[in-house]
């Protein structure tokens, strides 16, 4: 259900709002990644300066990791397209799976401990981590009740 103050149904058609909603989807997914996977709300200290540092460090790390992962997924998708071109379905790289694998490689890449060999191995492993794209899939999603997730404080308060 859409609530809007636009009353002219001829000037603003319903399919236009559907298109706008789908444009927003990538941004919504980015918020989910920031909140759930990076735990952006889980701070390691309690002072205002440390919370700001923690926040900016997590944002920097997330953006760096997302950009690097996106580049590797782009290369791996080209490899996967060539590898699986004779199959019945098209295949797409699973970004969430790749992002979880990248956590372990990013530190080595930043520190310069690994070079082209690691990037080549990552691209090959990513190209093997694909899922079939099945068009017009109609199975309903099984929704589990949402858990209220909290974070444990790193320090206990003094008495």
N, C-alpha and C. Protein backbone atom coordinates (compact mmCIF):
# COMPACT_ATOMS: atom_id res chain seq x y z
N UNK A 1 0.84 -1.17 0.00
CA UNK A 1 0.00 0.00 0.00
C UNK A 1 0.89 1.23 0.00
N UNK A 2 0.57 2.16 -0.85
CA UNK A 2 1.39 3.35 -1.00
C UNK A 2 0.62 4.57 -0.51
N UNK A 3 1.22 5.32 0.37
CA UNK A 3 0.60 6.56 0.85
C UNK A 3 1.35 7.71 0.20
N UNK A 4 0.62 8.57 -0.49
CA UNK A 4 1.24 9.70 -1.17
C UNK A 4 0.27 10.87 -1.19
N UNK A 5 0.81 12.06 -1.39
CA UNK A 5 -0.03 13.25 -1.49
C UNK A 5 -0.31 13.60 -2.95
N UNK A 6 0.13 12.76 -3.87
CA UNK A 6 -0.12 12.99 -5.30
C UNK A 6 -1.49 12.43 -5.65
N UNK A 7 -2.42 13.29 -6.02
CA UNK A 7 -3.79 12.86 -6.25
C UNK A 7 -4.13 12.68 -7.73
N UNK A 8 -3.31 13.17 -8.63
CA UNK A 8 -3.60 13.07 -10.05
C UNK A 8 -3.18 11.69 -10.56
N UNK A 9 -4.14 10.78 -10.72
CA UNK A 9 -3.85 9.41 -11.12
C UNK A 9 -3.43 9.29 -12.58
N UNK A 10 -3.76 10.25 -13.38
CA UNK A 10 -3.36 10.20 -14.79
C UNK A 10 -1.93 10.67 -14.99
N UNK A 11 -1.50 11.65 -14.22
CA UNK A 11 -0.13 12.16 -14.35
C UNK A 11 0.88 11.24 -13.66
N UNK A 12 0.47 10.59 -12.58
CA UNK A 12 1.36 9.72 -11.81
C UNK A 12 0.77 8.32 -11.79
N UNK A 13 1.19 7.50 -12.75
CA UNK A 13 0.63 6.16 -12.87
C UNK A 13 1.27 5.21 -11.85
N UNK A 14 0.56 4.16 -11.51
CA UNK A 14 1.01 3.22 -10.49
C UNK A 14 2.30 2.52 -10.90
N UNK A 15 2.46 2.19 -12.18
CA UNK A 15 3.67 1.48 -12.59
C UNK A 15 4.92 2.35 -12.43
N UNK A 16 4.74 3.67 -12.42
CA UNK A 16 5.86 4.57 -12.19
C UNK A 16 6.40 4.40 -10.76
N UNK A 17 5.51 4.25 -9.80
CA UNK A 17 5.93 4.07 -8.41
C UNK A 17 6.59 2.72 -8.20
N UNK A 18 6.13 1.72 -8.93
CA UNK A 18 6.78 0.40 -8.87
C UNK A 18 8.22 0.53 -9.36
N UNK A 19 8.41 1.27 -10.45
CA UNK A 19 9.76 1.49 -10.99
C UNK A 19 10.63 2.23 -9.96
N UNK A 20 10.10 3.26 -9.34
CA UNK A 20 10.84 4.02 -8.32
C UNK A 20 11.21 3.14 -7.13
N UNK A 21 10.28 2.28 -6.72
CA UNK A 21 10.55 1.39 -5.59
C UNK A 21 11.72 0.46 -5.91
N UNK A 22 11.74 -0.06 -7.12
CA UNK A 22 12.83 -0.97 -7.49
C UNK A 22 14.16 -0.24 -7.62
N UNK A 23 14.14 1.04 -7.95
CA UNK A 23 15.38 1.82 -7.95
C UNK A 23 15.94 1.97 -6.54
N UNK A 24 15.05 2.00 -5.55
CA UNK A 24 15.45 2.16 -4.15
C UNK A 24 16.01 0.89 -3.55
N UNK A 25 15.77 -0.24 -4.18
CA UNK A 25 16.09 -1.53 -3.58
C UNK A 25 17.58 -1.66 -3.23
N UNK A 26 18.47 -1.22 -4.09
CA UNK A 26 19.90 -1.32 -3.82
C UNK A 26 20.31 -0.54 -2.58
N UNK A 27 19.69 0.62 -2.38
CA UNK A 27 19.99 1.43 -1.21
C UNK A 27 19.50 0.74 0.06
N UNK A 28 18.31 0.14 -0.01
CA UNK A 28 17.78 -0.58 1.15
C UNK A 28 18.68 -1.77 1.51
N UNK A 29 19.18 -2.46 0.49
CA UNK A 29 20.08 -3.59 0.73
C UNK A 29 21.37 -3.11 1.38
N UNK A 30 21.85 -1.94 0.99
CA UNK A 30 23.07 -1.40 1.58
C UNK A 30 22.86 -1.08 3.06
N UNK A 31 21.71 -0.54 3.42
CA UNK A 31 21.40 -0.31 4.83
C UNK A 31 21.39 -1.63 5.60
N UNK A 32 20.82 -2.66 5.00
CA UNK A 32 20.78 -3.97 5.66
C UNK A 32 22.19 -4.50 5.89
N UNK A 33 23.03 -4.35 4.89
CA UNK A 33 24.42 -4.82 5.05
C UNK A 33 25.12 -4.06 6.16
N UNK A 34 24.90 -2.75 6.21
CA UNK A 34 25.57 -1.93 7.22
C UNK A 34 25.10 -2.30 8.62
N UNK A 35 23.82 -2.52 8.77
CA UNK A 35 23.28 -2.79 10.11
C UNK A 35 23.52 -4.23 10.55
N UNK A 36 23.31 -5.18 9.67
CA UNK A 36 23.35 -6.58 10.08
C UNK A 36 24.74 -7.19 9.95
N UNK A 37 25.32 -7.07 8.79
CA UNK A 37 26.57 -7.79 8.55
C UNK A 37 27.78 -7.08 9.14
N UNK A 38 27.80 -5.76 9.07
CA UNK A 38 28.94 -5.00 9.59
C UNK A 38 28.73 -4.64 11.06
N UNK A 39 27.51 -4.77 11.54
CA UNK A 39 27.15 -4.43 12.92
C UNK A 39 27.58 -3.00 13.24
N UNK A 40 27.12 -2.09 12.42
CA UNK A 40 27.52 -0.70 12.54
C UNK A 40 27.07 -0.08 13.86
N UNK A 41 26.03 -0.65 14.48
CA UNK A 41 25.54 -0.11 15.75
C UNK A 41 26.26 -0.71 16.96
N UNK A 42 27.15 -1.65 16.73
CA UNK A 42 27.87 -2.30 17.81
C UNK A 42 29.20 -1.58 18.01
N UNK A 43 29.27 -0.69 18.99
CA UNK A 43 30.47 0.10 19.22
C UNK A 43 31.35 -0.57 20.25
N UNK A 44 32.67 -0.38 20.11
CA UNK A 44 33.57 -1.02 21.04
C UNK A 44 33.88 -0.19 22.28
N UNK A 45 33.56 1.08 22.26
CA UNK A 45 33.80 1.94 23.40
C UNK A 45 32.56 2.76 23.69
N UNK A 46 32.59 3.52 24.75
CA UNK A 46 31.41 4.30 25.15
C UNK A 46 31.59 5.81 24.98
N UNK A 47 32.80 6.31 24.86
CA UNK A 47 32.98 7.76 24.74
C UNK A 47 32.58 8.22 23.34
N UNK A 48 32.20 9.47 23.22
CA UNK A 48 31.72 10.01 21.95
C UNK A 48 32.80 9.96 20.87
N UNK A 49 34.02 10.29 21.21
CA UNK A 49 35.10 10.27 20.22
C UNK A 49 35.37 8.85 19.73
N UNK A 50 35.39 7.90 20.63
CA UNK A 50 35.64 6.51 20.24
C UNK A 50 34.49 5.94 19.40
N UNK A 51 33.26 6.33 19.72
CA UNK A 51 32.12 5.88 18.92
C UNK A 51 32.23 6.44 17.51
N UNK A 52 32.62 7.72 17.38
CA UNK A 52 32.80 8.31 16.04
C UNK A 52 33.90 7.59 15.27
N UNK A 53 35.03 7.32 15.93
CA UNK A 53 36.13 6.62 15.27
C UNK A 53 35.70 5.22 14.84
N UNK A 54 35.00 4.54 15.72
CA UNK A 54 34.52 3.18 15.41
C UNK A 54 33.55 3.21 14.23
N UNK A 55 32.65 4.19 14.23
CA UNK A 55 31.67 4.32 13.15
C UNK A 55 32.37 4.57 11.82
N UNK A 56 33.29 5.54 11.77
CA UNK A 56 33.96 5.87 10.52
C UNK A 56 34.88 4.73 10.05
N UNK A 57 35.50 4.03 10.98
CA UNK A 57 36.34 2.89 10.60
C UNK A 57 35.49 1.79 9.97
N UNK A 58 34.32 1.53 10.54
CA UNK A 58 33.44 0.50 9.98
C UNK A 58 32.90 0.92 8.61
N UNK A 59 32.55 2.19 8.46
CA UNK A 59 32.07 2.69 7.17
C UNK A 59 33.17 2.57 6.13
N UNK A 60 34.39 2.98 6.47
CA UNK A 60 35.51 2.88 5.53
C UNK A 60 35.76 1.43 5.14
N UNK A 61 35.81 0.55 6.14
CA UNK A 61 36.07 -0.86 5.87
C UNK A 61 34.96 -1.46 5.01
N UNK A 62 33.72 -1.09 5.30
CA UNK A 62 32.60 -1.64 4.53
C UNK A 62 32.65 -1.15 3.08
N UNK A 63 32.89 0.13 2.87
CA UNK A 63 32.94 0.66 1.51
C UNK A 63 34.10 0.05 0.75
N UNK A 64 35.25 -0.05 1.39
CA UNK A 64 36.40 -0.67 0.73
C UNK A 64 36.10 -2.12 0.37
N UNK A 65 35.54 -2.86 1.32
CA UNK A 65 35.23 -4.27 1.07
C UNK A 65 34.17 -4.42 -0.01
N UNK A 66 33.14 -3.57 0.01
CA UNK A 66 32.09 -3.66 -1.00
C UNK A 66 32.63 -3.34 -2.39
N UNK A 67 33.45 -2.31 -2.50
CA UNK A 67 34.00 -1.95 -3.80
C UNK A 67 34.91 -3.03 -4.34
N UNK A 68 35.78 -3.55 -3.50
CA UNK A 68 36.68 -4.62 -3.93
C UNK A 68 35.90 -5.87 -4.30
N UNK A 69 34.90 -6.21 -3.52
CA UNK A 69 34.06 -7.37 -3.81
C UNK A 69 33.30 -7.18 -5.11
N UNK A 70 32.79 -5.98 -5.34
CA UNK A 70 32.05 -5.70 -6.57
C UNK A 70 32.95 -5.86 -7.79
N UNK A 71 34.18 -5.40 -7.70
CA UNK A 71 35.12 -5.54 -8.82
C UNK A 71 35.40 -7.02 -9.08
N UNK A 72 35.66 -7.77 -8.02
CA UNK A 72 35.94 -9.20 -8.19
C UNK A 72 34.71 -9.96 -8.69
N UNK A 73 33.52 -9.58 -8.25
CA UNK A 73 32.29 -10.22 -8.73
C UNK A 73 32.10 -9.93 -10.21
N UNK A 74 32.41 -8.72 -10.63
CA UNK A 74 32.29 -8.36 -12.04
C UNK A 74 33.20 -9.23 -12.91
N UNK A 75 34.44 -9.43 -12.47
CA UNK A 75 35.38 -10.29 -13.20
C UNK A 75 34.91 -11.73 -13.15
N UNK A 76 34.51 -12.19 -11.97
CA UNK A 76 34.08 -13.58 -11.81
C UNK A 76 32.81 -13.86 -12.60
N UNK A 77 31.91 -12.88 -12.71
CA UNK A 77 30.69 -13.08 -13.49
C UNK A 77 31.02 -13.29 -14.96
N UNK A 78 32.01 -12.57 -15.48
CA UNK A 78 32.44 -12.76 -16.86
C UNK A 78 33.01 -14.17 -17.05
N UNK A 79 33.78 -14.65 -16.06
CA UNK A 79 34.32 -16.01 -16.12
C UNK A 79 33.19 -17.02 -16.05
N UNK A 80 32.25 -16.81 -15.14
CA UNK A 80 31.12 -17.75 -14.98
C UNK A 80 30.24 -17.77 -16.23
N UNK A 81 30.05 -16.62 -16.87
CA UNK A 81 29.25 -16.59 -18.09
C UNK A 81 29.87 -17.47 -19.17
N UNK A 82 31.21 -17.43 -19.26
CA UNK A 82 31.89 -18.30 -20.24
C UNK A 82 31.83 -19.77 -19.84
N UNK A 83 32.00 -20.05 -18.55
CA UNK A 83 32.01 -21.44 -18.09
C UNK A 83 30.65 -22.12 -18.23
N UNK A 84 29.58 -21.38 -17.96
CA UNK A 84 28.25 -21.98 -17.89
C UNK A 84 27.35 -21.58 -19.06
N UNK A 85 27.92 -21.16 -20.17
CA UNK A 85 27.11 -20.71 -21.30
C UNK A 85 26.34 -21.84 -21.98
N UNK A 86 26.77 -23.08 -21.82
CA UNK A 86 26.07 -24.20 -22.47
C UNK A 86 24.96 -24.78 -21.60
N UNK A 87 24.81 -24.31 -20.40
CA UNK A 87 23.78 -24.84 -19.51
C UNK A 87 22.42 -24.22 -19.80
N UNK A 88 21.39 -24.84 -19.25
CA UNK A 88 20.02 -24.40 -19.53
C UNK A 88 19.69 -23.04 -18.93
N UNK A 89 20.12 -22.79 -17.70
CA UNK A 89 19.83 -21.53 -17.03
C UNK A 89 21.05 -20.61 -17.07
N UNK A 90 20.80 -19.35 -16.91
CA UNK A 90 21.90 -18.41 -16.70
C UNK A 90 22.34 -18.53 -15.24
N UNK A 91 23.58 -18.24 -14.99
CA UNK A 91 24.11 -18.34 -13.62
C UNK A 91 24.62 -16.99 -13.17
N UNK A 92 24.39 -16.69 -11.89
CA UNK A 92 24.78 -15.42 -11.32
C UNK A 92 25.58 -15.68 -10.05
N UNK A 93 26.59 -14.85 -9.84
CA UNK A 93 27.43 -14.96 -8.64
C UNK A 93 26.61 -14.55 -7.43
N UNK A 94 26.73 -15.31 -6.35
CA UNK A 94 26.04 -15.02 -5.10
C UNK A 94 26.86 -13.99 -4.31
N UNK A 95 26.41 -12.74 -4.32
CA UNK A 95 27.18 -11.65 -3.73
C UNK A 95 27.36 -11.83 -2.22
N UNK A 96 26.32 -12.25 -1.53
CA UNK A 96 26.42 -12.41 -0.06
C UNK A 96 27.46 -13.46 0.30
N UNK A 97 27.50 -14.55 -0.45
CA UNK A 97 28.48 -15.60 -0.21
C UNK A 97 29.89 -15.09 -0.46
N UNK A 98 30.06 -14.33 -1.53
CA UNK A 98 31.36 -13.79 -1.87
C UNK A 98 31.82 -12.77 -0.82
N UNK A 99 30.90 -11.93 -0.37
CA UNK A 99 31.25 -10.92 0.62
C UNK A 99 31.73 -11.57 1.91
N UNK A 100 31.12 -12.69 2.29
CA UNK A 100 31.56 -13.37 3.51
C UNK A 100 32.94 -13.99 3.32
N UNK A 101 33.29 -14.43 2.11
CA UNK A 101 34.62 -14.96 1.84
C UNK A 101 35.68 -13.87 1.80
N UNK A 102 35.27 -12.68 1.39
CA UNK A 102 36.21 -11.57 1.25
C UNK A 102 36.73 -11.07 2.60
N UNK A 103 35.98 -11.29 3.67
CA UNK A 103 36.40 -10.80 4.98
C UNK A 103 37.80 -11.30 5.33
N UNK A 104 38.10 -12.52 4.95
CA UNK A 104 39.38 -13.12 5.31
C UNK A 104 40.51 -12.65 4.40
N UNK A 105 40.19 -12.25 3.20
CA UNK A 105 41.22 -11.86 2.24
C UNK A 105 41.56 -10.38 2.29
N UNK A 106 40.66 -9.56 2.76
CA UNK A 106 40.87 -8.11 2.71
C UNK A 106 42.06 -7.67 3.56
N UNK A 107 42.21 -8.25 4.72
CA UNK A 107 43.34 -7.86 5.58
C UNK A 107 44.66 -8.18 4.89
N UNK A 108 44.75 -9.34 4.26
CA UNK A 108 45.99 -9.71 3.56
C UNK A 108 46.24 -8.78 2.37
N UNK A 109 45.19 -8.38 1.68
CA UNK A 109 45.35 -7.46 0.55
C UNK A 109 45.78 -6.07 1.01
N UNK A 110 45.19 -5.59 2.11
CA UNK A 110 45.55 -4.27 2.63
C UNK A 110 46.98 -4.21 3.13
N UNK A 111 47.40 -5.28 3.76
CA UNK A 111 48.76 -5.31 4.33
C UNK A 111 49.82 -5.63 3.28
N UNK A 112 49.38 -5.97 2.07
CA UNK A 112 50.33 -6.29 1.01
C UNK A 112 50.96 -7.67 1.16
N UNK A 113 50.33 -8.55 1.93
CA UNK A 113 50.87 -9.89 2.13
C UNK A 113 50.56 -10.82 0.97
N UNK A 114 49.63 -10.44 0.15
CA UNK A 114 49.26 -11.26 -1.00
C UNK A 114 49.14 -10.37 -2.22
N UNK A 115 49.38 -10.95 -3.35
CA UNK A 115 49.34 -10.15 -4.56
C UNK A 115 48.39 -10.72 -5.58
N UNK A 116 48.89 -10.79 -6.79
CA UNK A 116 48.07 -11.20 -7.92
C UNK A 116 47.58 -12.64 -7.77
N UNK A 117 48.37 -13.48 -7.11
CA UNK A 117 47.97 -14.88 -6.93
C UNK A 117 46.67 -14.98 -6.13
N UNK A 118 46.58 -14.19 -5.07
CA UNK A 118 45.38 -14.21 -4.24
C UNK A 118 44.17 -13.68 -5.01
N UNK A 119 44.35 -12.61 -5.76
CA UNK A 119 43.24 -12.04 -6.52
C UNK A 119 42.77 -13.03 -7.58
N UNK A 120 43.70 -13.71 -8.25
CA UNK A 120 43.33 -14.73 -9.25
C UNK A 120 42.61 -15.89 -8.60
N UNK A 121 43.10 -16.34 -7.46
CA UNK A 121 42.44 -17.45 -6.75
C UNK A 121 41.05 -17.04 -6.27
N UNK A 122 40.91 -15.81 -5.79
CA UNK A 122 39.59 -15.32 -5.36
C UNK A 122 38.62 -15.25 -6.52
N UNK A 123 39.06 -14.73 -7.67
CA UNK A 123 38.18 -14.63 -8.84
C UNK A 123 37.74 -16.01 -9.30
N UNK A 124 38.64 -16.99 -9.27
CA UNK A 124 38.28 -18.36 -9.67
C UNK A 124 37.30 -18.98 -8.68
N UNK A 125 37.53 -18.77 -7.39
CA UNK A 125 36.63 -19.32 -6.37
C UNK A 125 35.25 -18.65 -6.44
N UNK A 126 35.24 -17.36 -6.73
CA UNK A 126 33.97 -16.65 -6.84
C UNK A 126 33.19 -17.15 -8.06
N UNK A 127 33.90 -17.38 -9.17
CA UNK A 127 33.24 -17.87 -10.39
C UNK A 127 32.62 -19.25 -10.17
N UNK A 128 33.17 -20.00 -9.23
CA UNK A 128 32.61 -21.33 -8.93
C UNK A 128 31.44 -21.24 -7.96
N UNK A 129 31.26 -20.10 -7.32
CA UNK A 129 30.20 -19.91 -6.34
C UNK A 129 29.02 -19.20 -6.99
N UNK A 130 28.31 -19.92 -7.85
CA UNK A 130 27.21 -19.32 -8.60
C UNK A 130 25.91 -20.04 -8.30
N UNK A 131 24.82 -19.36 -8.63
CA UNK A 131 23.48 -19.94 -8.48
C UNK A 131 22.72 -19.74 -9.77
N UNK A 132 21.87 -20.69 -10.11
CA UNK A 132 21.08 -20.58 -11.33
C UNK A 132 20.01 -19.51 -11.16
N UNK A 133 19.81 -18.75 -12.22
CA UNK A 133 18.76 -17.75 -12.24
C UNK A 133 17.55 -18.41 -12.88
N UNK A 134 16.51 -18.59 -12.09
CA UNK A 134 15.30 -19.24 -12.59
C UNK A 134 14.20 -18.19 -12.76
N UNK A 135 13.88 -17.84 -14.01
CA UNK A 135 12.87 -16.79 -14.21
C UNK A 135 11.48 -17.28 -13.85
N UNK A 136 10.62 -16.33 -13.50
CA UNK A 136 9.21 -16.59 -13.18
C UNK A 136 9.05 -17.63 -12.07
N UNK A 137 9.86 -17.51 -11.06
CA UNK A 137 9.76 -18.41 -9.92
C UNK A 137 8.62 -17.96 -9.03
N UNK A 138 7.77 -18.90 -8.60
CA UNK A 138 6.59 -18.49 -7.87
C UNK A 138 6.44 -19.09 -6.49
N UNK A 139 7.47 -19.68 -5.94
CA UNK A 139 7.35 -20.28 -4.61
C UNK A 139 7.31 -19.18 -3.55
N UNK A 140 6.35 -19.21 -2.65
CA UNK A 140 6.30 -18.17 -1.61
C UNK A 140 7.45 -18.36 -0.62
N UNK A 141 7.91 -17.25 -0.08
CA UNK A 141 9.00 -17.29 0.90
C UNK A 141 8.47 -17.74 2.24
N UNK A 142 9.25 -18.52 2.95
CA UNK A 142 8.90 -18.93 4.31
C UNK A 142 9.52 -17.92 5.25
N UNK A 143 8.70 -17.11 5.82
CA UNK A 143 9.18 -16.05 6.69
C UNK A 143 9.23 -16.54 8.14
N UNK A 144 10.37 -16.37 8.76
CA UNK A 144 10.53 -16.71 10.17
C UNK A 144 10.25 -15.46 10.99
N UNK A 145 9.75 -15.64 12.20
CA UNK A 145 9.54 -14.45 13.04
C UNK A 145 10.88 -13.75 13.33
N UNK A 146 10.86 -12.45 13.28
CA UNK A 146 12.09 -11.69 13.48
C UNK A 146 12.53 -11.76 14.93
N UNK A 147 13.83 -11.95 15.10
CA UNK A 147 14.42 -11.93 16.44
C UNK A 147 14.90 -10.52 16.73
N UNK A 148 14.71 -10.10 17.93
CA UNK A 148 15.24 -8.80 18.33
C UNK A 148 16.69 -9.04 18.72
N UNK A 149 17.57 -8.48 17.90
CA UNK A 149 18.98 -8.73 18.11
C UNK A 149 19.61 -7.56 18.84
N UNK A 150 20.34 -7.88 19.86
CA UNK A 150 21.04 -6.84 20.60
C UNK A 150 22.51 -7.17 20.64
N UNK A 151 23.28 -6.28 21.13
CA UNK A 151 24.71 -6.48 21.23
C UNK A 151 25.10 -6.51 22.70
N UNK A 152 26.07 -7.32 23.01
CA UNK A 152 26.57 -7.36 24.38
C UNK A 152 27.58 -6.25 24.55
N UNK A 153 27.48 -5.49 25.62
CA UNK A 153 28.47 -4.43 25.81
C UNK A 153 29.85 -5.03 26.06
N UNK A 154 30.87 -4.35 25.57
CA UNK A 154 32.23 -4.86 25.74
C UNK A 154 32.74 -4.65 27.15
N UNK A 155 32.18 -3.70 27.85
CA UNK A 155 32.63 -3.42 29.19
C UNK A 155 31.42 -3.37 30.13
N UNK A 156 31.64 -3.83 31.35
CA UNK A 156 30.60 -3.71 32.35
C UNK A 156 30.82 -2.39 33.10
N UNK A 157 29.72 -1.79 33.52
CA UNK A 157 29.83 -0.54 34.25
C UNK A 157 30.40 -0.79 35.64
N UNK A 158 31.16 0.17 36.10
CA UNK A 158 31.70 0.09 37.46
C UNK A 158 30.64 0.46 38.45
N UNK A 159 30.72 -0.13 39.61
CA UNK A 159 29.75 0.19 40.66
C UNK A 159 30.28 1.25 41.57
